[in-house]
Amino acid sequence: MRYQYSSLTGAIADKNCPLRLYLDKRFPNLKPVQADYRAAAGTLLVEGDGASAGTVGTAFDYLLRFTLNPGYLPQTALIAEPIFNRPEYCDVVAELAKLAGNAHTRPMSEQTFTMVARASWALALCTELYRNPFVFPNSPLADPIRSGAFTVDGLLGLASADAVAQLRSLYMLAVAELGEVLTAAPERVALGPTFAASLYCGADADLIVDGVLVEFKTRLGSLNRKSGQRSDSLSLADIYQVIGYVLFDTTDTFALHTVALYSARYGALHQWPLQQLLDTLAGEPVDLATERATVATLLGADTAAAGQNRVSRTRSGR
């Protein structure tokens, strides 16, 4: 049975949602974590005027995924209704993914990067149709889909020069700041991973590398109107999102031990040992297996299975 909320982000956004109420009660001590984040946030390095911020974020995410795995095929770009029902359109998405896979090549020429960025942008637009079908009338993909001009060349032309420039700046900064992450061996990498509890409430993270969960954020940060400067901060939703992913891994499939957030426009990678973060947020020692079982029950998962997971995790000493 599905949870009453279709996604983790939707559940977090509703203050009356049982899952949100649980998180508020169990992990109320957010201020120390937020203060440490602000202190290490740095300054804005990549401006964001001109291109759609949401599409930039998704395209940047894809750039990093294709850097790690050139054979990656983003399913969320395929399953939007206007695309999924047209096999020829699915073929176009697959071809765009092949082009974006050139992000894995080293060295990557300027011409190759431009092609990769444009392909990632087109895939991001396809993904937006899946995430929010109501954007279709205003989507740059609306006319190509309606007219039958949904082609590789046509979609590669949808990214503006500003969009490509932003992606180039974000990518070059990420290569410098995330070198170890972006050179991880494929067997250590999970791209867009879902979790056992995602069956009940949709939740997919950006990246897991060898037990480290990494989320990417491309926000500009808040503007100080007096100084004209922007600053980055860690919101309640950010914290609950990464903690939610950890709690949704009820079967401990990914053996998570660290969570991280990479603020792409600031070039800042923030990392927290998982147990330390949970204990700080709760204000007391936390038994992860117990909390996962609680969340599984809240989502309507089989309570016996949730309890068995808690017992097995306790016996393992993790």
C-alpha atoms as a PDB file:
ATOM      1  CA  MET A   1       0.000   0.000   0.000  1.00  0.00           C
ATOM      2  CA  ARG A   2       1.336   3.439  -0.937  1.00  0.00           C
ATOM      3  CA  TYR A   3       1.776   6.162   1.660  1.00  0.00           C
ATOM      4  CA  GLN A   4      -0.678   9.063   1.604  1.00  0.00           C
ATOM      5  CA  TYR A   5       2.132  11.281   0.264  1.00  0.00           C
ATOM      6  CA  SER A   6       3.637  10.302  -3.069  1.00  0.00           C
ATOM      7  CA  SER A   7       7.104  11.674  -2.331  1.00  0.00           C
ATOM      8  CA  LEU A   8       9.446  12.339   0.562  1.00  0.00           C
ATOM      9  CA  THR A   9       9.752  16.003  -0.415  1.00  0.00           C
ATOM     10  CA  GLY A  10       5.973  16.365  -0.396  1.00  0.00           C
ATOM     11  CA  ALA A  11       5.733  14.750   3.033  1.00  0.00           C
ATOM     12  CA  ILE A  12       8.449  17.028   4.422  1.00  0.00           C
ATOM     13  CA  ALA A  13       6.714  20.130   3.051  1.00  0.00           C
ATOM     14  CA  ASP A  14       3.450  19.401   4.916  1.00  0.00           C
ATOM     15  CA  LYS A  15       3.797  20.252   8.619  1.00  0.00           C
ATOM     16  CA  ASN A  16       0.794  18.050   9.399  1.00  0.00           C
ATOM     17  CA  CYS A  17       2.158  14.952   7.690  1.00  0.00           C
ATOM     18  CA  PRO A  18       2.842  12.131  10.208  1.00  0.00           C
ATOM     19  CA  LEU A  19       6.328  11.621   8.792  1.00  0.00           C
ATOM     20  CA  ARG A  20       7.110  15.345   9.096  1.00  0.00           C
ATOM     21  CA  LEU A  21       5.722  15.375  12.639  1.00  0.00           C
ATOM     22  CA  TYR A  22       7.972  12.441  13.519  1.00  0.00           C
ATOM     23  CA  LEU A  23      11.044  14.204  12.120  1.00  0.00           C
ATOM     24  CA  ASP A  24      10.182  17.414  13.981  1.00  0.00           C
ATOM     25  CA  LYS A  25       9.864  15.552  17.258  1.00  0.00           C
ATOM     26  CA  ARG A  26      12.780  13.147  16.910  1.00  0.00           C
ATOM     27  CA  PHE A  27      15.361  15.478  15.342  1.00  0.00           C
ATOM     28  CA  PRO A  28      14.622  18.987  16.650  1.00  0.00           C
ATOM     29  CA  ASN A  29      18.197  20.159  17.273  1.00  0.00           C
ATOM     30  CA  LEU A  30      18.904  21.661  13.839  1.00  0.00           C
ATOM     31  CA  LYS A  31      20.636  24.910  14.822  1.00  0.00           C
ATOM     32  CA  PRO A  32      24.151  23.565  15.577  1.00  0.00           C
ATOM     33  CA  VAL A  33      24.271  21.787  12.212  1.00  0.00           C
ATOM     34  CA  GLN A  34      22.958  24.836  10.371  1.00  0.00           C
ATOM     35  CA  ALA A  35      25.452  27.126  12.123  1.00  0.00           C
ATOM     36  CA  ASP A  36      28.391  24.894  11.168  1.00  0.00           C
ATOM     37  CA  TYR A  37      27.167  24.815   7.581  1.00  0.00           C
ATOM     38  CA  ARG A  38      26.942  28.611   7.365  1.00  0.00           C
ATOM     39  CA  ALA A  39      30.425  28.998   8.813  1.00  0.00           C
ATOM     40  CA  ALA A  40      31.896  26.795   6.073  1.00  0.00           C
ATOM     41  CA  ALA A  41      29.657  27.936   3.199  1.00  0.00           C
ATOM     42  CA  GLY A  42      32.143  30.267   1.504  1.00  0.00           C
ATOM     43  CA  THR A  43      31.204  32.803  -1.148  1.00  0.00           C
ATOM     44  CA  LEU A  44      29.140  32.557  -4.326  1.00  0.00           C
ATOM     45  CA  LEU A  45      31.412  31.532  -7.205  1.00  0.00           C
ATOM     46  CA  VAL A  46      28.959  30.840 -10.041  1.00  0.00           C
ATOM     47  CA  GLU A  47      26.227  33.366 -10.782  1.00  0.00           C
ATOM     48  CA  GLY A  48      22.867  32.196 -12.050  1.00  0.00           C
ATOM     49  CA  ASP A  49      21.203  34.790 -14.255  1.00  0.00           C
ATOM     50  CA  GLY A  50      19.401  33.922 -17.479  1.00  0.00           C
ATOM     51  CA  ALA A  51      18.723  30.180 -17.462  1.00  0.00           C
ATOM     52  CA  SER A  52      16.037  28.260 -15.563  1.00  0.00           C
ATOM     53  CA  ALA A  53      17.477  27.450 -12.143  1.00  0.00           C
ATOM     54  CA  GLY A  54      15.603  24.161 -11.866  1.00  0.00           C
ATOM     55  CA  THR A  55      16.741  22.936 -15.274  1.00  0.00           C
ATOM     56  CA  VAL A  56      20.325  23.976 -14.513  1.00  0.00           C
ATOM     57  CA  GLY A  57      20.204  21.882 -11.327  1.00  0.00           C
ATOM     58  CA  THR A  58      18.902  18.758 -13.041  1.00  0.00           C
ATOM     59  CA  ALA A  59      21.279  19.116 -16.004  1.00  0.00           C
ATOM     60  CA  PHE A  60      24.240  19.570 -13.643  1.00  0.00           C
ATOM     61  CA  ASP A  61      23.194  16.446 -11.750  1.00  0.00           C
ATOM     62  CA  TYR A  62      23.150  14.525 -15.034  1.00  0.00           C
ATOM     63  CA  LEU A  63      26.565  15.882 -16.011  1.00  0.00           C
ATOM     64  CA  LEU A  64      28.062  14.368 -12.865  1.00  0.00           C
ATOM     65  CA  ARG A  65      26.216  11.081 -13.282  1.00  0.00           C
ATOM     66  CA  PHE A  66      27.446  10.672 -16.857  1.00  0.00           C
ATOM     67  CA  THR A  67      30.959  11.530 -15.717  1.00  0.00           C
ATOM     68  CA  LEU A  68      30.773   8.550 -13.373  1.00  0.00           C
ATOM     69  CA  ASN A  69      29.007   6.199 -15.782  1.00  0.00           C
ATOM     70  CA  PRO A  70      28.976   6.858 -19.547  1.00  0.00           C
ATOM     71  CA  GLY A  71      26.352   4.145 -20.019  1.00  0.00           C
ATOM     72  CA  TYR A  72      23.862   5.734 -17.647  1.00  0.00           C
ATOM     73  CA  LEU A  73      20.277   6.036 -18.932  1.00  0.00           C
ATOM     74  CA  PRO A  74      18.070   8.318 -16.782  1.00  0.00           C
ATOM     75  CA  GLN A  75      14.745   6.534 -16.486  1.00  0.00           C
ATOM     76  CA  THR A  76      12.952   9.688 -15.323  1.00  0.00           C
ATOM     77  CA  ALA A  77      13.736  11.245 -18.713  1.00  0.00           C
ATOM     78  CA  LEU A  78      12.004   8.334 -20.434  1.00  0.00           C
ATOM     79  CA  ILE A  79       8.817   7.834 -18.469  1.00  0.00           C
ATOM     80  CA  ALA A  80       7.026  11.156 -18.861  1.00  0.00           C
ATOM     81  CA  GLU A  81       3.726  10.313 -20.537  1.00  0.00           C
ATOM     82  CA  PRO A  82       4.293  12.362 -23.740  1.00  0.00           C
ATOM     83  CA  ILE A  83       7.567  10.491 -24.293  1.00  0.00           C
ATOM     84  CA  PHE A  84       6.998   7.002 -22.915  1.00  0.00           C
ATOM     85  CA  ASN A  85       4.087   6.304 -25.277  1.00  0.00           C
ATOM     86  CA  ARG A  86       6.161   7.133 -28.370  1.00  0.00           C
ATOM     87  CA  PRO A  87       8.930   4.584 -29.057  1.00  0.00           C
ATOM     88  CA  GLU A  88      10.633   6.960 -31.506  1.00  0.00           C
ATOM     89  CA  TYR A  89      10.826   9.594 -28.752  1.00  0.00           C
ATOM     90  CA  CYS A  90      12.304   7.043 -26.360  1.00  0.00           C
ATOM     91  CA  ASP A  91      14.967   6.369 -28.983  1.00  0.00           C
ATOM     92  CA  VAL A  92      15.787  10.085 -29.034  1.00  0.00           C
ATOM     93  CA  VAL A  93      16.210  10.130 -25.245  1.00  0.00           C
ATOM     94  CA  ALA A  94      18.498   7.085 -25.444  1.00  0.00           C
ATOM     95  CA  GLU A  95      20.610   8.781 -28.110  1.00  0.00           C
ATOM     96  CA  LEU A  96      20.868  11.949 -26.012  1.00  0.00           C
ATOM     97  CA  ALA A  97      22.083   9.797 -23.113  1.00  0.00           C
ATOM     98  CA  LYS A  98      24.786   8.305 -25.347  1.00  0.00           C
ATOM     99  CA  LEU A  99      25.978  11.789 -26.269  1.00  0.00           C
ATOM    100  CA  ALA A 100      25.951  12.900 -22.646  1.00  0.00           C
ATOM    101  CA  GLY A 101      28.029   9.834 -21.804  1.00  0.00           C
ATOM    102  CA  ASN A 102      30.995  11.608 -23.407  1.00  0.00           C
ATOM    103  CA  ALA A 103      31.313  13.440 -20.080  1.00  0.00           C
ATOM    104  CA  HIS A 104      33.331  10.402 -19.028  1.00  0.00           C
ATOM    105  CA  THR A 105      36.075  11.051 -21.588  1.00  0.00           C
ATOM    106  CA  ARG A 106      39.397  12.598 -20.560  1.00  0.00           C
ATOM    107  CA  PRO A 107      40.556  15.025 -21.715  1.00  0.00           C
ATOM    108  CA  MET A 108      37.240  16.554 -22.808  1.00  0.00           C
ATOM    109  CA  SER A 109      37.450  19.210 -25.510  1.00  0.00           C
ATOM    110  CA  GLU A 110      35.399  22.409 -25.451  1.00  0.00           C
ATOM    111  CA  GLN A 111      33.316  21.139 -28.354  1.00  0.00           C
ATOM    112  CA  THR A 112      32.638  17.827 -26.611  1.00  0.00           C
ATOM    113  CA  PHE A 113      31.641  19.559 -23.386  1.00  0.00           C
ATOM    114  CA  THR A 114      29.185  21.794 -25.234  1.00  0.00           C
ATOM    115  CA  MET A 115      27.538  18.727 -26.776  1.00  0.00           C
ATOM    116  CA  VAL A 116      27.433  16.968 -23.385  1.00  0.00           C
ATOM    117  CA  ALA A 117      25.943  20.036 -21.697  1.00  0.00           C
ATOM    118  CA  ARG A 118      23.273  20.415 -24.399  1.00  0.00           C
ATOM    119  CA  ALA A 119      22.365  16.729 -24.188  1.00  0.00           C
ATOM    120  CA  SER A 120      22.139  16.931 -20.385  1.00  0.00           C
ATOM    121  CA  TRP A 121      19.935  20.015 -20.692  1.00  0.00           C
ATOM    122  CA  ALA A 122      17.554  18.201 -23.041  1.00  0.00           C
ATOM    123  CA  LEU A 123      17.393  15.221 -20.677  1.00  0.00           C
ATOM    124  CA  ALA A 124      16.657  17.595 -17.808  1.00  0.00           C
ATOM    125  CA  LEU A 125      13.718  19.067 -19.737  1.00  0.00           C
ATOM    126  CA  CYS A 126      12.376  15.538 -20.310  1.00  0.00           C
ATOM    127  CA  THR A 127      12.726  14.782 -16.613  1.00  0.00           C
ATOM    128  CA  GLU A 128      10.764  17.909 -15.693  1.00  0.00           C
ATOM    129  CA  LEU A 129       7.787  16.588 -17.665  1.00  0.00           C
ATOM    130  CA  TYR A 130       7.810  13.474 -15.481  1.00  0.00           C
ATOM    131  CA  ARG A 131       8.242  15.319 -12.194  1.00  0.00           C
ATOM    132  CA  ASN A 132       5.528  17.843 -12.955  1.00  0.00           C
ATOM    133  CA  PRO A 133       3.271  17.027 -15.931  1.00  0.00           C
ATOM    134  CA  PHE A 134       1.507  20.377 -15.519  1.00  0.00           C
ATOM    135  CA  VAL A 135       4.543  22.248 -16.896  1.00  0.00           C
ATOM    136  CA  PHE A 136       3.989  20.723 -20.341  1.00  0.00           C
ATOM    137  CA  PRO A 137       2.130  23.677 -21.952  1.00  0.00           C
ATOM    138  CA  ASN A 138       5.027  26.023 -21.097  1.00  0.00           C
ATOM    139  CA  SER A 139       7.838  23.532 -21.615  1.00  0.00           C
ATOM    140  CA  PRO A 140      10.321  24.069 -24.465  1.00  0.00           C
ATOM    141  CA  LEU A 141       9.475  20.464 -25.349  1.00  0.00           C
ATOM    142  CA  ALA A 142       5.783  21.150 -25.954  1.00  0.00           C
ATOM    143  CA  ASP A 143       6.105  22.197 -29.613  1.00  0.00           C
ATOM    144  CA  PRO A 144       8.599  19.454 -30.586  1.00  0.00           C
ATOM    145  CA  ILE A 145       6.379  16.806 -28.987  1.00  0.00           C
ATOM    146  CA  ARG A 146       3.173  18.090 -30.579  1.00  0.00           C
ATOM    147  CA  SER A 147       4.693  18.636 -34.020  1.00  0.00           C
ATOM    148  CA  GLY A 148       6.684  15.429 -34.197  1.00  0.00           C
ATOM    149  CA  ALA A 149       9.934  17.425 -34.319  1.00  0.00           C
ATOM    150  CA  PHE A 150      11.234  15.652 -31.227  1.00  0.00           C
ATOM    151  CA  THR A 151      14.671  14.913 -32.662  1.00  0.00           C
ATOM    152  CA  VAL A 152      18.198  14.737 -31.295  1.00  0.00           C
ATOM    153  CA  ASP A 153      19.352  17.786 -33.244  1.00  0.00           C
ATOM    154  CA  GLY A 154      16.244  19.742 -32.289  1.00  0.00           C
ATOM    155  CA  LEU A 155      16.611  19.018 -28.588  1.00  0.00           C
ATOM    156  CA  LEU A 156      20.338  19.766 -28.576  1.00  0.00           C
ATOM    157  CA  GLY A 157      19.431  23.271 -29.741  1.00  0.00           C
ATOM    158  CA  LEU A 158      17.209  24.021 -26.741  1.00  0.00           C
ATOM    159  CA  ALA A 159      19.991  24.992 -24.335  1.00  0.00           C
ATOM    160  CA  SER A 160      20.856  28.692 -24.457  1.00  0.00           C
ATOM    161  CA  ALA A 161      24.430  29.950 -24.517  1.00  0.00           C
ATOM    162  CA  ASP A 162      23.941  31.161 -20.932  1.00  0.00           C
ATOM    163  CA  ALA A 163      22.778  27.717 -19.829  1.00  0.00           C
ATOM    164  CA  VAL A 164      25.843  26.075 -21.375  1.00  0.00           C
ATOM    165  CA  ALA A 165      28.117  28.680 -19.793  1.00  0.00           C
ATOM    166  CA  GLN A 166      26.629  28.115 -16.340  1.00  0.00           C
ATOM    167  CA  LEU A 167      26.959  24.368 -16.670  1.00  0.00           C
ATOM    168  CA  ARG A 168      30.569  24.763 -17.795  1.00  0.00           C
ATOM    169  CA  SER A 169      31.423  26.895 -14.742  1.00  0.00           C
ATOM    170  CA  LEU A 170      29.598  24.552 -12.357  1.00  0.00           C
ATOM    171  CA  TYR A 171      31.221  21.495 -13.881  1.00  0.00           C
ATOM    172  CA  MET A 172      34.766  22.835 -13.821  1.00  0.00           C
ATOM    173  CA  LEU A 173      34.335  23.797 -10.179  1.00  0.00           C
ATOM    174  CA  ALA A 174      32.929  20.356  -9.354  1.00  0.00           C
ATOM    175  CA  VAL A 175      35.836  18.607 -11.069  1.00  0.00           C
ATOM    176  CA  ALA A 176      38.185  20.569  -8.821  1.00  0.00           C
ATOM    177  CA  GLU A 177      36.226  20.070  -5.601  1.00  0.00           C
ATOM    178  CA  LEU A 178      34.849  16.541  -6.093  1.00  0.00           C
ATOM    179  CA  GLY A 179      37.844  14.864  -7.677  1.00  0.00           C
ATOM    180  CA  GLU A 180      37.768  11.793  -5.463  1.00  0.00           C
ATOM    181  CA  VAL A 181      34.015  11.337  -5.891  1.00  0.00           C
ATOM    182  CA  LEU A 182      34.082  11.750  -9.670  1.00  0.00           C
ATOM    183  CA  THR A 183      36.847   9.191 -10.144  1.00  0.00           C
ATOM    184  CA  ALA A 184      35.137   6.464  -8.105  1.00  0.00           C
ATOM    185  CA  ALA A 185      35.102   2.972  -9.577  1.00  0.00           C
ATOM    186  CA  PRO A 186      31.689   2.076 -11.086  1.00  0.00           C
ATOM    187  CA  GLU A 187      31.081  -0.810  -8.667  1.00  0.00           C
ATOM    188  CA  ARG A 188      31.209   1.636  -5.767  1.00  0.00           C
ATOM    189  CA  VAL A 189      28.671   4.019  -7.286  1.00  0.00           C
ATOM    190  CA  ALA A 190      24.854   4.140  -7.131  1.00  0.00           C
ATOM    191  CA  LEU A 191      23.325   6.812  -9.386  1.00  0.00           C
ATOM    192  CA  GLY A 192      19.872   8.103  -8.481  1.00  0.00           C
ATOM    193  CA  PRO A 193      19.418   5.342  -5.903  1.00  0.00           C
ATOM    194  CA  THR A 194      16.042   4.493  -4.429  1.00  0.00           C
ATOM    195  CA  PHE A 195      15.527   2.758  -1.096  1.00  0.00           C
ATOM    196  CA  ALA A 196      13.456  -0.062   0.353  1.00  0.00           C
ATOM    197  CA  ALA A 197      10.878   2.393   1.731  1.00  0.00           C
ATOM    198  CA  SER A 198      10.674   4.231  -1.616  1.00  0.00           C
ATOM    199  CA  LEU A 199       8.105   1.572  -2.488  1.00  0.00           C
ATOM    200  CA  TYR A 200       5.689   3.375  -0.153  1.00  0.00           C
ATOM    201  CA  CYS A 201       6.788   7.005  -0.575  1.00  0.00           C
ATOM    202  CA  GLY A 202       8.877   8.088  -3.550  1.00  0.00           C
ATOM    203  CA  ALA A 203      12.468   8.985  -2.672  1.00  0.00           C
ATOM    204  CA  ASP A 204      15.562   8.904  -4.851  1.00  0.00           C
ATOM    205  CA  ALA A 205      18.912  10.406  -3.880  1.00  0.00           C
ATOM    206  CA  ASP A 206      21.500  11.884  -6.220  1.00  0.00           C
ATOM    207  CA  LEU A 207      24.511   9.692  -5.562  1.00  0.00           C
ATOM    208  CA  ILE A 208      25.980   7.129  -3.183  1.00  0.00           C
ATOM    209  CA  VAL A 209      29.680   6.322  -3.357  1.00  0.00           C
ATOM    210  CA  ASP A 210      31.028   3.614  -1.058  1.00  0.00           C
ATOM    211  CA  GLY A 211      28.595   4.355   1.777  1.00  0.00           C
ATOM    212  CA  VAL A 212      28.688   8.154   1.342  1.00  0.00           C
ATOM    213  CA  LEU A 213      25.367   9.710   0.316  1.00  0.00           C
ATOM    214  CA  VAL A 214      25.912  12.903  -1.686  1.00  0.00           C
ATOM    215  CA  GLU A 215      23.212  15.433  -2.574  1.00  0.00           C
ATOM    216  CA  PHE A 216      23.825  18.236  -5.079  1.00  0.00           C
ATOM    217  CA  LYS A 217      22.344  21.724  -4.683  1.00  0.00           C
ATOM    218  CA  THR A 218      22.684  24.508  -7.251  1.00  0.00           C
ATOM    219  CA  ARG A 219      20.830  27.264  -5.405  1.00  0.00           C
ATOM    220  CA  LEU A 220      22.065  30.829  -5.412  1.00  0.00           C
ATOM    221  CA  GLY A 221      21.452  31.418  -1.715  1.00  0.00           C
ATOM    222  CA  SER A 222      19.700  34.328  -0.040  1.00  0.00           C
ATOM    223  CA  LEU A 223      20.457  37.922  -1.050  1.00  0.00           C
ATOM    224  CA  ASN A 224      21.485  40.558   1.473  1.00  0.00           C
ATOM    225  CA  ARG A 225      19.959  43.679  -0.059  1.00  0.00           C
ATOM    226  CA  LYS A 226      22.263  46.018   1.853  1.00  0.00           C
ATOM    227  CA  SER A 227      25.524  44.378   0.826  1.00  0.00           C
ATOM    228  CA  GLY A 228      24.308  42.914  -2.453  1.00  0.00           C
ATOM    229  CA  GLN A 229      25.998  39.630  -1.508  1.00  0.00           C
ATOM    230  CA  ARG A 230      24.452  36.181  -1.454  1.00  0.00           C
ATOM    231  CA  SER A 231      25.026  33.560   1.218  1.00  0.00           C
ATOM    232  CA  ASP A 232      24.315  29.860   1.414  1.00  0.00           C
ATOM    233  CA  SER A 233      22.432  28.165   4.234  1.00  0.00           C
ATOM    234  CA  LEU A 234      21.114  24.747   5.195  1.00  0.00           C
ATOM    235  CA  SER A 235      17.332  24.570   5.436  1.00  0.00           C
ATOM    236  CA  LEU A 236      15.161  22.265   7.480  1.00  0.00           C
ATOM    237  CA  ALA A 237      14.050  20.641   4.223  1.00  0.00           C
ATOM    238  CA  ASP A 238      17.675  19.939   3.255  1.00  0.00           C
ATOM    239  CA  ILE A 239      18.362  18.205   6.558  1.00  0.00           C
ATOM    240  CA  TYR A 240      15.154  16.208   6.563  1.00  0.00           C
ATOM    241  CA  GLN A 241      15.758  15.171   2.957  1.00  0.00           C
ATOM    242  CA  VAL A 242      19.142  13.550   3.585  1.00  0.00           C
ATOM    243  CA  ILE A 243      18.008  12.087   6.919  1.00  0.00           C
ATOM    244  CA  GLY A 244      14.901  10.794   5.185  1.00  0.00           C
ATOM    245  CA  TYR A 245      16.989   8.941   2.618  1.00  0.00           C
ATOM    246  CA  VAL A 246      19.008   7.340   5.393  1.00  0.00           C
ATOM    247  CA  LEU A 247      15.868   6.273   7.256  1.00  0.00           C
ATOM    248  CA  PHE A 248      14.249   4.977   4.066  1.00  0.00           C
ATOM    249  CA  ASP A 249      17.165   2.553   3.604  1.00  0.00           C
ATOM    250  CA  THR A 250      15.403   0.176   5.995  1.00  0.00           C
ATOM    251  CA  THR A 251      17.294  -2.862   4.725  1.00  0.00           C
ATOM    252  CA  ASP A 252      20.681  -1.122   5.087  1.00  0.00           C
ATOM    253  CA  THR A 253      21.329  -1.894   1.430  1.00  0.00           C
ATOM    254  CA  PHE A 254      23.841   0.914   1.028  1.00  0.00           C
ATOM    255  CA  ALA A 255      25.617   0.617   4.408  1.00  0.00           C
ATOM    256  CA  LEU A 256      25.574   4.397   4.735  1.00  0.00           C
ATOM    257  CA  HIS A 257      28.105   5.877   7.139  1.00  0.00           C
ATOM    258  CA  THR A 258      28.426   9.478   5.887  1.00  0.00           C
ATOM    259  CA  VAL A 259      26.067  12.039   4.374  1.00  0.00           C
ATOM    260  CA  ALA A 260      27.228  14.986   2.291  1.00  0.00           C
ATOM    261  CA  LEU A 261      25.814  17.993   0.492  1.00  0.00           C
ATOM    262  CA  TYR A 262      27.684  19.661  -2.345  1.00  0.00           C
ATOM    263  CA  SER A 263      26.686  23.294  -2.849  1.00  0.00           C
ATOM    264  CA  ALA A 264      27.635  23.639  -6.505  1.00  0.00           C
ATOM    265  CA  ARG A 265      27.570  27.421  -6.918  1.00  0.00           C
ATOM    266  CA  TYR A 266      29.757  27.814  -3.826  1.00  0.00           C
ATOM    267  CA  GLY A 267      32.080  24.910  -4.565  1.00  0.00           C
ATOM    268  CA  ALA A 268      31.612  23.642  -1.011  1.00  0.00           C
ATOM    269  CA  LEU A 269      31.347  19.993   0.004  1.00  0.00           C
ATOM    270  CA  HIS A 270      29.822  19.581   3.463  1.00  0.00           C
ATOM    271  CA  GLN A 271      30.169  16.136   5.081  1.00  0.00           C
ATOM    272  CA  TRP A 272      28.849  14.645   8.315  1.00  0.00           C
ATOM    273  CA  PRO A 273      29.559  11.245   9.875  1.00  0.00           C
ATOM    274  CA  LEU A 274      26.074   9.743   9.917  1.00  0.00           C
ATOM    275  CA  GLN A 275      25.910   8.628  13.533  1.00  0.00           C
ATOM    276  CA  GLN A 276      27.307  11.934  14.769  1.00  0.00           C
ATOM    277  CA  LEU A 277      24.779  13.882  12.706  1.00  0.00           C
ATOM    278  CA  LEU A 278      21.831  11.835  13.979  1.00  0.00           C
ATOM    279  CA  ASP A 279      22.948  12.158  17.585  1.00  0.00           C
ATOM    280  CA  THR A 280      23.405  15.916  17.221  1.00  0.00           C
ATOM    281  CA  LEU A 281      20.016  16.437  15.608  1.00  0.00           C
ATOM    282  CA  ALA A 282      18.271  14.302  18.225  1.00  0.00           C
ATOM    283  CA  GLY A 283      20.220  15.735  21.160  1.00  0.00           C
ATOM    284  CA  GLU A 284      20.874  12.199  22.376  1.00  0.00           C
ATOM    285  CA  PRO A 285      22.255   8.862  21.112  1.00  0.00           C
ATOM    286  CA  VAL A 286      20.182   7.426  18.269  1.00  0.00           C
ATOM    287  CA  ASP A 287      19.719   3.771  17.353  1.00  0.00           C
ATOM    288  CA  LEU A 288      19.427   3.903  13.583  1.00  0.00           C
ATOM    289  CA  ALA A 289      17.765   0.498  13.219  1.00  0.00           C
ATOM    290  CA  THR A 290      15.028   1.483  15.667  1.00  0.00           C
ATOM    291  CA  GLU A 291      14.343   4.746  13.837  1.00  0.00           C
ATOM    292  CA  ARG A 292      14.216   2.971  10.494  1.00  0.00           C
ATOM    293  CA  ALA A 293      11.663   0.516  11.869  1.00  0.00           C
ATOM    294  CA  THR A 294       9.602   3.439  13.171  1.00  0.00           C
ATOM    295  CA  VAL A 295       9.636   5.137   9.789  1.00  0.00           C
ATOM    296  CA  ALA A 296       8.745   1.895   8.017  1.00  0.00           C
ATOM    297  CA  THR A 297       5.717   1.553  10.266  1.00  0.00           C
ATOM    298  CA  LEU A 298       4.694   5.174   9.643  1.00  0.00           C
ATOM    299  CA  LEU A 299       4.810   4.518   5.908  1.00  0.00           C
ATOM    300  CA  GLY A 300       2.632   1.422   6.237  1.00  0.00           C
ATOM    301  CA  ALA A 301       5.343  -1.126   5.584  1.00  0.00           C
ATOM    302  CA  ASP A 302       5.012  -4.657   6.913  1.00  0.00           C
ATOM    303  CA  THR A 303       5.588  -4.199  10.648  1.00  0.00           C
ATOM    304  CA  ALA A 304       6.986  -7.705  11.038  1.00  0.00           C
ATOM    305  CA  ALA A 305       9.556  -7.053   8.332  1.00  0.00           C
ATOM    306  CA  ALA A 306      10.427  -3.712   9.907  1.00  0.00           C
ATOM    307  CA  GLY A 307      10.906  -5.367  13.268  1.00  0.00           C
ATOM    308  CA  GLN A 308      13.051  -8.112  11.745  1.00  0.00           C
ATOM    309  CA  ASN A 309      15.260  -5.474  10.143  1.00  0.00           C
ATOM    310  CA  ARG A 310      15.699  -3.801  13.532  1.00  0.00           C
ATOM    311  CA  VAL A 311      16.655  -7.097  15.191  1.00  0.00           C
ATOM    312  CA  SER A 312      19.120  -8.090  12.477  1.00  0.00           C
ATOM    313  CA  ARG A 313      20.797  -4.673  12.552  1.00  0.00           C
ATOM    314  CA  THR A 314      21.090  -4.814  16.358  1.00  0.00           C
ATOM    315  CA  ARG A 315      22.636  -8.279  16.242  1.00  0.00           C
ATOM    316  CA  SER A 316      25.157  -7.145  13.642  1.00  0.00           C
ATOM    317  CA  GLY A 317      26.355  -4.450  16.037  1.00  0.00           C
ATOM    318  CA  ARG A 318      25.992  -1.693  13.415  1.00  0.00           C
END
